Amino acid sequence: MTSFSITPTTPFRLQESAEFGFGGRAADSFDGVMRMAFCLDGYADQVGVAVRQDADGTVHGRVDGVGPDRVDAVRAQVARVLSLDQDGGEFLDVGHRDPVIGRLQEVAPGLLPPLFYSPYEAALWSVLSARRPAQQMAQVRTQLSERHGRTFELAGRRLAAMPTPEQLLRVTEFPGLTPEKIHRMHGIARQALTGTLDVARLRHIGPTACQDDMQRLKGIGPFYASLITIRAVGFTDVLPVDEPMLLELVGLHYRVDGPVTRAAFEQIAEPWRPYRTWTSVLIRAASSRIGVVGSRRRAG
């Protein structure tokens, strides 16, 4: 068992991340620990991490599954998942420039967007959940992880990590997965082994090229390519212009008469730079706390 620490550069509250329900996972009831189990970048190993936060804001992680020589890699990936690998020192300035965002920051202090563990796991989730109920496929993913991945005991609870690409390629059938889904997941596993899904490469080519790249994966269309780009790679300034719920909430916040057009959204979001992604997630996650709720939320 080894450990690491992360000092946030902007107000951050671990409980917000633990209860967010990120990566297609159910929101956990926070007991002071955020538990993570995932394929380490490079996709050869799996790790389990129990994350806590001190009263001064410092984040600490206890690592299981790899030796001390890999702790820096684990720390870097956990920081990315929690959006703590980016310089957030000016995020509060967005709220100073835009009173709507300032109010949301006040009611959700320390809320930063938690990400999928990796583009590999985001792509697998995209294939798993396509045209199927998310809750049902989350159960399938858990069962797949427990049977073919690796399970960790983290602060008194068991949590399984997804199979590595090599492990996944050995799975030829599984309850709840059609042969076509397994075929598409194998394609993602092969691309992961070539380095196509490495975060460093995807950040280097930028969000537009990243989204185009992800659509070359079989079973990944524009919506899921955007999901991987925005919620797995860690870009802070990509504007999700094709999310209907977000557009509706923006219209309600800014009292737009009728649906918000892409052009209008881009104009409204201009003061949010360079944190348009973070700000968009904040709107989605915190609007209900001040009574701004979209029609889909009310209907559901």
C-alpha atoms as a PDB file:
ATOM      1  CA  MET A   1       0.000   0.000   0.000  1.00  0.00           C
ATOM      2  CA  THR A   2       1.425   3.372  -1.043  1.00  0.00           C
ATOM      3  CA  SER A   3       0.079   6.912  -0.964  1.00  0.00           C
ATOM      4  CA  PHE A   4       0.198  10.348  -2.606  1.00  0.00           C
ATOM      5  CA  SER A   5      -1.154  13.873  -2.097  1.00  0.00           C
ATOM      6  CA  ILE A   6      -2.620  16.526  -4.411  1.00  0.00           C
ATOM      7  CA  THR A   7      -2.972  20.223  -3.579  1.00  0.00           C
ATOM      8  CA  PRO A   8      -5.874  21.766  -5.548  1.00  0.00           C
ATOM      9  CA  THR A   9      -5.288  25.122  -7.253  1.00  0.00           C
ATOM     10  CA  THR A  10      -8.940  26.147  -6.967  1.00  0.00           C
ATOM     11  CA  PRO A  11     -11.675  25.449  -4.398  1.00  0.00           C
ATOM     12  CA  PHE A  12     -12.412  21.719  -4.591  1.00  0.00           C
ATOM     13  CA  ARG A  13     -14.766  19.510  -2.613  1.00  0.00           C
ATOM     14  CA  LEU A  14     -14.229  15.753  -2.874  1.00  0.00           C
ATOM     15  CA  GLN A  15     -17.786  15.014  -1.779  1.00  0.00           C
ATOM     16  CA  GLU A  16     -19.107  16.721  -4.913  1.00  0.00           C
ATOM     17  CA  SER A  17     -17.065  14.363  -7.081  1.00  0.00           C
ATOM     18  CA  ALA A  18     -17.972  11.250  -5.099  1.00  0.00           C
ATOM     19  CA  GLU A  19     -21.691  11.998  -5.274  1.00  0.00           C
ATOM     20  CA  PHE A  20     -21.646  13.177  -8.878  1.00  0.00           C
ATOM     21  CA  GLY A  21     -22.294   9.796 -10.479  1.00  0.00           C
ATOM     22  CA  PHE A  22     -19.549  10.134 -13.064  1.00  0.00           C
ATOM     23  CA  GLY A  23     -18.551   7.810 -15.859  1.00  0.00           C
ATOM     24  CA  GLY A  24     -21.955   6.189 -16.050  1.00  0.00           C
ATOM     25  CA  ARG A  25     -21.783   5.220 -12.376  1.00  0.00           C
ATOM     26  CA  ALA A  26     -24.420   5.697  -9.710  1.00  0.00           C
ATOM     27  CA  ALA A  27     -23.801   8.527  -7.253  1.00  0.00           C
ATOM     28  CA  ASP A  28     -22.266   7.060  -4.099  1.00  0.00           C
ATOM     29  CA  SER A  29     -23.303   8.028  -0.617  1.00  0.00           C
ATOM     30  CA  PHE A  30     -20.234   9.841   0.682  1.00  0.00           C
ATOM     31  CA  ASP A  31     -18.673   8.449   3.847  1.00  0.00           C
ATOM     32  CA  GLY A  32     -15.515  10.523   3.655  1.00  0.00           C
ATOM     33  CA  VAL A  33     -13.868   8.248   1.087  1.00  0.00           C
ATOM     34  CA  MET A  34     -14.082   8.248  -2.692  1.00  0.00           C
ATOM     35  CA  ARG A  35     -13.198   4.790  -3.997  1.00  0.00           C
ATOM     36  CA  MET A  36     -11.776   4.282  -7.471  1.00  0.00           C
ATOM     37  CA  ALA A  37     -10.758   1.144  -9.364  1.00  0.00           C
ATOM     38  CA  PHE A  38      -9.516   1.498 -12.915  1.00  0.00           C
ATOM     39  CA  CYS A  39      -7.071   0.531 -15.644  1.00  0.00           C
ATOM     40  CA  LEU A  40      -3.927   2.568 -15.217  1.00  0.00           C
ATOM     41  CA  ASP A  41      -2.896   4.676 -18.216  1.00  0.00           C
ATOM     42  CA  GLY A  42      -1.060   2.387 -20.621  1.00  0.00           C
ATOM     43  CA  TYR A  43      -3.772  -0.181 -19.905  1.00  0.00           C
ATOM     44  CA  ALA A  44      -1.480  -2.952 -18.662  1.00  0.00           C
ATOM     45  CA  ASP A  45      -2.340  -2.728 -14.937  1.00  0.00           C
ATOM     46  CA  GLN A  46      -5.327  -2.101 -12.693  1.00  0.00           C
ATOM     47  CA  VAL A  47      -5.271  -0.137  -9.466  1.00  0.00           C
ATOM     48  CA  GLY A  48      -7.556   0.638  -6.569  1.00  0.00           C
ATOM     49  CA  VAL A  49      -7.423   4.002  -4.807  1.00  0.00           C
ATOM     50  CA  ALA A  50      -9.125   5.250  -1.655  1.00  0.00           C
ATOM     51  CA  VAL A  51      -9.232   9.059  -1.761  1.00  0.00           C
ATOM     52  CA  ARG A  52      -9.817  11.396   1.186  1.00  0.00           C
ATOM     53  CA  GLN A  53      -9.623  15.146   1.710  1.00  0.00           C
ATOM     54  CA  ASP A  54      -8.179  17.073   4.639  1.00  0.00           C
ATOM     55  CA  ALA A  55      -9.861  20.088   6.183  1.00  0.00           C
ATOM     56  CA  ASP A  56      -7.297  22.313   4.430  1.00  0.00           C
ATOM     57  CA  GLY A  57      -8.408  20.944   1.048  1.00  0.00           C
ATOM     58  CA  THR A  58      -5.446  18.650   0.377  1.00  0.00           C
ATOM     59  CA  VAL A  59      -6.415  15.391  -1.320  1.00  0.00           C
ATOM     60  CA  HIS A  60      -4.757  12.116  -0.273  1.00  0.00           C
ATOM     61  CA  GLY A  61      -4.885   8.756  -2.007  1.00  0.00           C
ATOM     62  CA  ARG A  62      -3.946   5.285  -0.784  1.00  0.00           C
ATOM     63  CA  VAL A  63      -3.026   3.009  -3.668  1.00  0.00           C
ATOM     64  CA  ASP A  64      -3.420  -0.744  -3.980  1.00  0.00           C
ATOM     65  CA  GLY A  65      -2.356  -2.916  -6.896  1.00  0.00           C
ATOM     66  CA  VAL A  66       0.985  -1.442  -7.978  1.00  0.00           C
ATOM     67  CA  GLY A  67       4.334  -0.720  -6.399  1.00  0.00           C
ATOM     68  CA  PRO A  68       5.888   2.600  -5.376  1.00  0.00           C
ATOM     69  CA  ASP A  69       7.404   3.014  -8.840  1.00  0.00           C
ATOM     70  CA  ARG A  70       3.933   3.509 -10.329  1.00  0.00           C
ATOM     71  CA  VAL A  71       2.497   5.861  -7.715  1.00  0.00           C
ATOM     72  CA  ASP A  72       3.301   9.000  -9.716  1.00  0.00           C
ATOM     73  CA  ALA A  73       1.315   7.585 -12.643  1.00  0.00           C
ATOM     74  CA  VAL A  74      -1.619   6.788 -10.343  1.00  0.00           C
ATOM     75  CA  ARG A  75      -1.499  10.263  -8.834  1.00  0.00           C
ATOM     76  CA  ALA A  76      -1.521  11.863 -12.284  1.00  0.00           C
ATOM     77  CA  GLN A  77      -4.527   9.825 -13.377  1.00  0.00           C
ATOM     78  CA  VAL A  78      -6.513  10.484 -10.193  1.00  0.00           C
ATOM     79  CA  ALA A  79      -5.741  14.190 -10.562  1.00  0.00           C
ATOM     80  CA  ARG A  80      -7.097  14.081 -14.115  1.00  0.00           C
ATOM     81  CA  VAL A  81     -10.237  12.211 -13.070  1.00  0.00           C
ATOM     82  CA  LEU A  82     -10.919  14.857 -10.412  1.00  0.00           C
ATOM     83  CA  SER A  83     -10.000  17.756 -12.767  1.00  0.00           C
ATOM     84  CA  LEU A  84      -7.138  18.621 -10.418  1.00  0.00           C
ATOM     85  CA  ASP A  85      -4.447  18.241 -13.080  1.00  0.00           C
ATOM     86  CA  GLN A  86      -5.429  21.582 -14.617  1.00  0.00           C
ATOM     87  CA  ASP A  87      -4.646  25.073 -13.349  1.00  0.00           C
ATOM     88  CA  GLY A  88      -7.979  26.149 -11.933  1.00  0.00           C
ATOM     89  CA  GLY A  89      -6.680  29.301 -10.302  1.00  0.00           C
ATOM     90  CA  GLU A  90      -8.880  31.586 -12.405  1.00  0.00           C
ATOM     91  CA  PHE A  91     -12.074  29.509 -12.420  1.00  0.00           C
ATOM     92  CA  LEU A  92     -13.699  31.703  -9.775  1.00  0.00           C
ATOM     93  CA  ASP A  93     -13.065  34.683 -12.044  1.00  0.00           C
ATOM     94  CA  VAL A  94     -15.680  33.266 -14.417  1.00  0.00           C
ATOM     95  CA  GLY A  95     -18.244  33.831 -11.686  1.00  0.00           C
ATOM     96  CA  HIS A  96     -17.033  37.396 -11.204  1.00  0.00           C
ATOM     97  CA  ARG A  97     -17.512  38.106 -14.904  1.00  0.00           C
ATOM     98  CA  ASP A  98     -20.881  36.320 -15.130  1.00  0.00           C
ATOM     99  CA  PRO A  99     -23.261  36.656 -12.140  1.00  0.00           C
ATOM    100  CA  VAL A 100     -25.273  33.596 -13.244  1.00  0.00           C
ATOM    101  CA  ILE A 101     -22.180  31.418 -12.922  1.00  0.00           C
ATOM    102  CA  GLY A 102     -21.160  33.200  -9.747  1.00  0.00           C
ATOM    103  CA  ARG A 103     -24.408  32.187  -8.092  1.00  0.00           C
ATOM    104  CA  LEU A 104     -23.947  28.561  -9.158  1.00  0.00           C
ATOM    105  CA  GLN A 105     -20.409  28.570  -7.777  1.00  0.00           C
ATOM    106  CA  GLU A 106     -21.784  29.860  -4.482  1.00  0.00           C
ATOM    107  CA  VAL A 107     -24.363  27.069  -4.119  1.00  0.00           C
ATOM    108  CA  ALA A 108     -21.936  24.373  -5.325  1.00  0.00           C
ATOM    109  CA  PRO A 109     -18.546  25.426  -3.929  1.00  0.00           C
ATOM    110  CA  GLY A 110     -15.744  23.147  -5.026  1.00  0.00           C
ATOM    111  CA  LEU A 111     -17.709  21.339  -7.741  1.00  0.00           C
ATOM    112  CA  LEU A 112     -15.340  20.365 -10.549  1.00  0.00           C
ATOM    113  CA  PRO A 113     -16.257  17.871 -13.294  1.00  0.00           C
ATOM    114  CA  PRO A 114     -15.146  14.321 -12.482  1.00  0.00           C
ATOM    115  CA  LEU A 115     -14.100  12.454 -15.609  1.00  0.00           C
ATOM    116  CA  PHE A 116     -14.174   8.885 -16.856  1.00  0.00           C
ATOM    117  CA  TYR A 117     -11.069   7.039 -15.740  1.00  0.00           C
ATOM    118  CA  SER A 118      -9.739   7.028 -19.314  1.00  0.00           C
ATOM    119  CA  PRO A 119     -10.789   7.348 -22.960  1.00  0.00           C
ATOM    120  CA  TYR A 120     -10.605   3.532 -23.112  1.00  0.00           C
ATOM    121  CA  GLU A 121     -13.172   3.104 -20.350  1.00  0.00           C
ATOM    122  CA  ALA A 122     -15.340   5.924 -21.747  1.00  0.00           C
ATOM    123  CA  ALA A 123     -15.375   4.259 -25.165  1.00  0.00           C
ATOM    124  CA  LEU A 124     -16.284   0.890 -23.639  1.00  0.00           C
ATOM    125  CA  TRP A 125     -19.127   2.524 -21.707  1.00  0.00           C
ATOM    126  CA  SER A 126     -20.336   4.175 -24.901  1.00  0.00           C
ATOM    127  CA  VAL A 127     -20.641   0.799 -26.618  1.00  0.00           C
ATOM    128  CA  LEU A 128     -22.151  -0.875 -23.560  1.00  0.00           C
ATOM    129  CA  SER A 129     -24.829   1.742 -22.992  1.00  0.00           C
ATOM    130  CA  ALA A 130     -25.809   2.456 -26.596  1.00  0.00           C
ATOM    131  CA  ARG A 131     -29.560   1.925 -27.001  1.00  0.00           C
ATOM    132  CA  ARG A 132     -29.760   0.105 -23.664  1.00  0.00           C
ATOM    133  CA  PRO A 133     -30.875   1.282 -20.188  1.00  0.00           C
ATOM    134  CA  ALA A 134     -27.893   2.817 -18.410  1.00  0.00           C
ATOM    135  CA  GLN A 135     -28.668   1.196 -15.047  1.00  0.00           C
ATOM    136  CA  GLN A 136     -28.902  -2.255 -16.598  1.00  0.00           C
ATOM    137  CA  MET A 137     -25.650  -1.863 -18.486  1.00  0.00           C
ATOM    138  CA  ALA A 138     -23.905  -0.482 -15.416  1.00  0.00           C
ATOM    139  CA  GLN A 139     -24.729  -3.776 -13.721  1.00  0.00           C
ATOM    140  CA  VAL A 140     -23.332  -5.674 -16.703  1.00  0.00           C
ATOM    141  CA  ARG A 141     -20.160  -3.600 -16.533  1.00  0.00           C
ATOM    142  CA  THR A 142     -19.790  -4.347 -12.821  1.00  0.00           C
ATOM    143  CA  GLN A 143     -20.262  -8.074 -13.421  1.00  0.00           C
ATOM    144  CA  LEU A 144     -17.791  -8.016 -16.304  1.00  0.00           C
ATOM    145  CA  SER A 145     -15.254  -6.215 -14.117  1.00  0.00           C
ATOM    146  CA  GLU A 146     -15.696  -8.628 -11.229  1.00  0.00           C
ATOM    147  CA  ARG A 147     -15.328 -11.680 -13.432  1.00  0.00           C
ATOM    148  CA  HIS A 148     -12.638 -10.589 -15.869  1.00  0.00           C
ATOM    149  CA  GLY A 149     -11.018  -7.525 -14.301  1.00  0.00           C
ATOM    150  CA  ARG A 150      -9.571  -7.093 -10.822  1.00  0.00           C
ATOM    151  CA  THR A 151     -11.288  -6.494  -7.500  1.00  0.00           C
ATOM    152  CA  PHE A 152      -9.917  -4.365  -4.670  1.00  0.00           C
ATOM    153  CA  GLU A 153     -10.833  -3.927  -1.013  1.00  0.00           C
ATOM    154  CA  LEU A 154     -10.961  -0.153  -0.518  1.00  0.00           C
ATOM    155  CA  ALA A 155     -11.758   1.287   2.910  1.00  0.00           C
ATOM    156  CA  GLY A 156     -14.050  -1.609   3.755  1.00  0.00           C
ATOM    157  CA  ARG A 157     -15.783  -1.934   0.385  1.00  0.00           C
ATOM    158  CA  ARG A 158     -15.086  -4.079  -2.654  1.00  0.00           C
ATOM    159  CA  LEU A 159     -14.763  -2.412  -6.039  1.00  0.00           C
ATOM    160  CA  ALA A 160     -13.758  -3.986  -9.337  1.00  0.00           C
ATOM    161  CA  ALA A 161     -11.759  -2.401 -12.153  1.00  0.00           C
ATOM    162  CA  MET A 162     -12.630  -2.961 -15.801  1.00  0.00           C
ATOM    163  CA  PRO A 163     -10.621  -5.594 -17.662  1.00  0.00           C
ATOM    164  CA  THR A 164      -7.460  -4.389 -19.323  1.00  0.00           C
ATOM    165  CA  PRO A 165      -7.497  -4.544 -23.131  1.00  0.00           C
ATOM    166  CA  GLU A 166      -5.631  -7.852 -23.089  1.00  0.00           C
ATOM    167  CA  GLN A 167      -8.063  -9.328 -20.564  1.00  0.00           C
ATOM    168  CA  LEU A 168     -11.040  -8.051 -22.552  1.00  0.00           C
ATOM    169  CA  LEU A 169      -9.801  -9.609 -25.767  1.00  0.00           C
ATOM    170  CA  ARG A 170     -10.053 -13.004 -24.077  1.00  0.00           C
ATOM    171  CA  VAL A 171     -13.780 -12.490 -23.392  1.00  0.00           C
ATOM    172  CA  THR A 172     -15.727 -14.080 -26.245  1.00  0.00           C
ATOM    173  CA  GLU A 173     -19.184 -14.102 -24.663  1.00  0.00           C
ATOM    174  CA  PHE A 174     -20.824 -12.623 -21.591  1.00  0.00           C
ATOM    175  CA  PRO A 175     -24.399 -12.448 -20.230  1.00  0.00           C
ATOM    176  CA  GLY A 176     -26.056  -9.188 -21.260  1.00  0.00           C
ATOM    177  CA  LEU A 177     -23.650  -8.501 -24.122  1.00  0.00           C
ATOM    178  CA  THR A 178     -24.522  -9.258 -27.736  1.00  0.00           C
ATOM    179  CA  PRO A 179     -21.840 -10.648 -30.065  1.00  0.00           C
ATOM    180  CA  GLU A 180     -21.825  -7.274 -31.863  1.00  0.00           C
ATOM    181  CA  LYS A 181     -21.156  -5.339 -28.647  1.00  0.00           C
ATOM    182  CA  ILE A 182     -18.309  -7.698 -27.761  1.00  0.00           C
ATOM    183  CA  HIS A 183     -16.902  -7.282 -31.282  1.00  0.00           C
ATOM    184  CA  ARG A 184     -16.986  -3.489 -30.926  1.00  0.00           C
ATOM    185  CA  MET A 185     -15.437  -3.633 -27.445  1.00  0.00           C
ATOM    186  CA  HIS A 186     -12.648  -5.796 -28.847  1.00  0.00           C
ATOM    187  CA  GLY A 187     -12.033  -3.127 -31.478  1.00  0.00           C
ATOM    188  CA  ILE A 188     -11.666  -0.515 -28.741  1.00  0.00           C
ATOM    189  CA  ALA A 189      -9.304  -2.798 -26.816  1.00  0.00           C
ATOM    190  CA  ARG A 190      -7.094  -3.206 -29.881  1.00  0.00           C
ATOM    191  CA  GLN A 191      -6.985   0.546 -30.455  1.00  0.00           C
ATOM    192  CA  ALA A 192      -6.043   1.064 -26.806  1.00  0.00           C
ATOM    193  CA  LEU A 193      -3.110  -1.323 -27.237  1.00  0.00           C
ATOM    194  CA  THR A 194      -1.836   0.715 -30.209  1.00  0.00           C
ATOM    195  CA  GLY A 195      -1.825   3.971 -28.211  1.00  0.00           C
ATOM    196  CA  THR A 196      -4.741   5.496 -30.115  1.00  0.00           C
ATOM    197  CA  LEU A 197      -6.618   6.160 -26.857  1.00  0.00           C
ATOM    198  CA  ASP A 198      -3.695   7.551 -24.864  1.00  0.00           C
ATOM    199  CA  VAL A 199      -4.650  10.824 -23.178  1.00  0.00           C
ATOM    200  CA  ALA A 200      -1.334  12.492 -24.035  1.00  0.00           C
ATOM    201  CA  ARG A 201      -1.890  11.857 -27.752  1.00  0.00           C
ATOM    202  CA  LEU A 202      -5.507  13.017 -27.686  1.00  0.00           C
ATOM    203  CA  ARG A 203      -4.668  16.204 -25.801  1.00  0.00           C
ATOM    204  CA  HIS A 204      -1.885  16.895 -28.265  1.00  0.00           C
ATOM    205  CA  ILE A 205      -4.128  16.700 -31.337  1.00  0.00           C
ATOM    206  CA  GLY A 206      -6.824  18.876 -29.714  1.00  0.00           C
ATOM    207  CA  PRO A 207     -10.579  18.500 -29.196  1.00  0.00           C
ATOM    208  CA  THR A 208     -11.719  18.754 -32.822  1.00  0.00           C
ATOM    209  CA  ALA A 209      -9.287  16.139 -34.102  1.00  0.00           C
ATOM    210  CA  CYS A 210      -9.955  14.027 -31.007  1.00  0.00           C
ATOM    211  CA  GLN A 211     -13.674  13.941 -31.718  1.00  0.00           C
ATOM    212  CA  ASP A 212     -13.024  12.996 -35.348  1.00  0.00           C
ATOM    213  CA  ASP A 213     -10.632  10.261 -34.204  1.00  0.00           C
ATOM    214  CA  MET A 214     -13.152   8.775 -31.783  1.00  0.00           C
ATOM    215  CA  GLN A 215     -15.760   8.466 -34.524  1.00  0.00           C
ATOM    216  CA  ARG A 216     -13.423   6.086 -36.324  1.00  0.00           C
ATOM    217  CA  LEU A 217     -14.071   3.572 -33.535  1.00  0.00           C
ATOM    218  CA  LYS A 218     -16.790   1.177 -34.569  1.00  0.00           C
ATOM    219  CA  GLY A 219     -19.971   1.909 -32.635  1.00  0.00           C
ATOM    220  CA  ILE A 220     -18.959   5.475 -31.683  1.00  0.00           C
ATOM    221  CA  GLY A 221     -21.064   8.193 -33.318  1.00  0.00           C
ATOM    222  CA  PRO A 222     -20.940  11.974 -32.844  1.00  0.00           C
ATOM    223  CA  PHE A 223     -22.690  11.965 -29.439  1.00  0.00           C
ATOM    224  CA  TYR A 224     -20.374   9.407 -27.854  1.00  0.00           C
ATOM    225  CA  ALA A 225     -17.314  10.882 -29.573  1.00  0.00           C
ATOM    226  CA  SER A 226     -18.195  14.162 -27.852  1.00  0.00           C
ATOM    227  CA  LEU A 227     -18.672  12.325 -24.548  1.00  0.00           C
ATOM    228  CA  ILE A 228     -15.193  10.802 -24.764  1.00  0.00           C
ATOM    229  CA  THR A 229     -13.615  14.089 -25.815  1.00  0.00           C
ATOM    230  CA  ILE A 230     -15.262  16.232 -23.149  1.00  0.00           C
ATOM    231  CA  ARG A 231     -15.621  13.796 -20.241  1.00  0.00           C
ATOM    232  CA  ALA A 232     -12.546  11.568 -20.552  1.00  0.00           C
ATOM    233  CA  VAL A 233      -9.618  13.468 -22.075  1.00  0.00           C
ATOM    234  CA  GLY A 234      -9.817  16.474 -19.755  1.00  0.00           C
ATOM    235  CA  PHE A 235     -10.108  19.516 -22.001  1.00  0.00           C
ATOM    236  CA  THR A 236     -11.307  22.473 -19.915  1.00  0.00           C
ATOM    237  CA  ASP A 237     -12.541  24.749 -22.680  1.00  0.00           C
ATOM    238  CA  VAL A 238     -14.734  22.702 -25.027  1.00  0.00           C
ATOM    239  CA  LEU A 239     -18.298  23.982 -25.314  1.00  0.00           C
ATOM    240  CA  PRO A 240     -20.895  21.151 -25.472  1.00  0.00           C
ATOM    241  CA  VAL A 241     -23.100  22.792 -28.097  1.00  0.00           C
ATOM    242  CA  ASP A 242     -25.162  19.676 -28.846  1.00  0.00           C
ATOM    243  CA  GLU A 243     -26.499  18.844 -25.358  1.00  0.00           C
ATOM    244  CA  PRO A 244     -30.269  19.593 -25.370  1.00  0.00           C
ATOM    245  CA  MET A 245     -30.599  19.669 -21.575  1.00  0.00           C
ATOM    246  CA  LEU A 246     -27.695  22.093 -21.235  1.00  0.00           C
ATOM    247  CA  LEU A 247     -29.147  24.369 -23.923  1.00  0.00           C
ATOM    248  CA  GLU A 248     -32.490  24.357 -22.160  1.00  0.00           C
ATOM    249  CA  LEU A 249     -30.918  25.252 -18.817  1.00  0.00           C
ATOM    250  CA  VAL A 250     -28.882  28.046 -20.402  1.00  0.00           C
ATOM    251  CA  GLY A 251     -32.080  29.421 -21.920  1.00  0.00           C
ATOM    252  CA  LEU A 252     -33.756  29.400 -18.512  1.00  0.00           C
ATOM    253  CA  HIS A 253     -30.810  31.026 -16.728  1.00  0.00           C
ATOM    254  CA  TYR A 254     -30.331  33.764 -19.320  1.00  0.00           C
ATOM    255  CA  ARG A 255     -34.052  34.247 -20.061  1.00  0.00           C
ATOM    256  CA  VAL A 256     -33.719  33.470 -23.745  1.00  0.00           C
ATOM    257  CA  ASP A 257     -37.038  33.503 -25.587  1.00  0.00           C
ATOM    258  CA  GLY A 258     -37.221  30.079 -27.229  1.00  0.00           C
ATOM    259  CA  PRO A 259     -34.512  27.452 -27.788  1.00  0.00           C
ATOM    260  CA  VAL A 260     -30.929  28.647 -27.461  1.00  0.00           C
ATOM    261  CA  THR A 261     -29.200  28.545 -30.826  1.00  0.00           C
ATOM    262  CA  ARG A 262     -25.597  27.473 -31.179  1.00  0.00           C
ATOM    263  CA  ALA A 263     -24.584  31.039 -32.047  1.00  0.00           C
ATOM    264  CA  ALA A 264     -26.403  32.450 -29.016  1.00  0.00           C
ATOM    265  CA  PHE A 265     -24.888  29.813 -26.742  1.00  0.00           C
ATOM    266  CA  GLU A 266     -21.383  30.586 -27.976  1.00  0.00           C
ATOM    267  CA  GLN A 267     -21.966  34.293 -27.319  1.00  0.00           C
ATOM    268  CA  ILE A 268     -23.340  33.676 -23.815  1.00  0.00           C
ATOM    269  CA  ALA A 269     -20.393  31.390 -23.032  1.00  0.00           C
ATOM    270  CA  GLU A 270     -17.685  33.776 -24.182  1.00  0.00           C
ATOM    271  CA  PRO A 271     -17.013  35.094 -20.626  1.00  0.00           C
ATOM    272  CA  TRP A 272     -16.529  31.503 -19.443  1.00  0.00           C
ATOM    273  CA  ARG A 273     -13.203  31.050 -21.256  1.00  0.00           C
ATOM    274  CA  PRO A 274     -10.908  29.214 -20.595  1.00  0.00           C
ATOM    275  CA  TYR A 275     -13.268  27.027 -18.542  1.00  0.00           C
ATOM    276  CA  ARG A 276     -16.278  26.554 -20.812  1.00  0.00           C
ATOM    277  CA  THR A 277     -16.318  22.800 -20.166  1.00  0.00           C
ATOM    278  CA  TRP A 278     -16.163  23.208 -16.396  1.00  0.00           C
ATOM    279  CA  THR A 279     -18.832  25.903 -16.478  1.00  0.00           C
ATOM    280  CA  SER A 280     -21.155  23.788 -18.605  1.00  0.00           C
ATOM    281  CA  VAL A 281     -20.861  20.890 -16.173  1.00  0.00           C
ATOM    282  CA  LEU A 282     -21.530  23.269 -13.280  1.00  0.00           C
ATOM    283  CA  ILE A 283     -24.753  24.418 -14.967  1.00  0.00           C
ATOM    284  CA  ARG A 284     -25.912  20.844 -15.515  1.00  0.00           C
ATOM    285  CA  ALA A 285     -25.048  19.739 -11.984  1.00  0.00           C
ATOM    286  CA  ALA A 286     -26.008  22.734  -9.841  1.00  0.00           C
ATOM    287  CA  SER A 287     -28.964  24.475 -11.508  1.00  0.00           C
ATOM    288  CA  SER A 288     -31.542  22.490  -9.542  1.00  0.00           C
ATOM    289  CA  ARG A 289     -30.040  23.807  -6.295  1.00  0.00           C
ATOM    290  CA  ILE A 290     -31.413  27.253  -7.130  1.00  0.00           C
ATOM    291  CA  GLY A 291     -34.680  25.967  -8.570  1.00  0.00           C
ATOM    292  CA  VAL A 292     -33.742  26.028 -12.262  1.00  0.00           C
ATOM    293  CA  VAL A 293     -34.840  22.654 -13.609  1.00  0.00           C
ATOM    294  CA  GLY A 294     -35.212  21.598 -17.240  1.00  0.00           C
ATOM    295  CA  SER A 295     -38.359  19.978 -18.575  1.00  0.00           C
ATOM    296  CA  ARG A 296     -36.683  16.584 -18.953  1.00  0.00           C
ATOM    297  CA  ARG A 297     -35.693  16.647 -15.279  1.00  0.00           C
ATOM    298  CA  ARG A 298     -39.236  17.592 -14.256  1.00  0.00           C
ATOM    299  CA  ALA A 299     -40.714  14.875 -16.451  1.00  0.00           C
ATOM    300  CA  GLY A 300     -38.307  12.263 -15.111  1.00  0.00           C
END
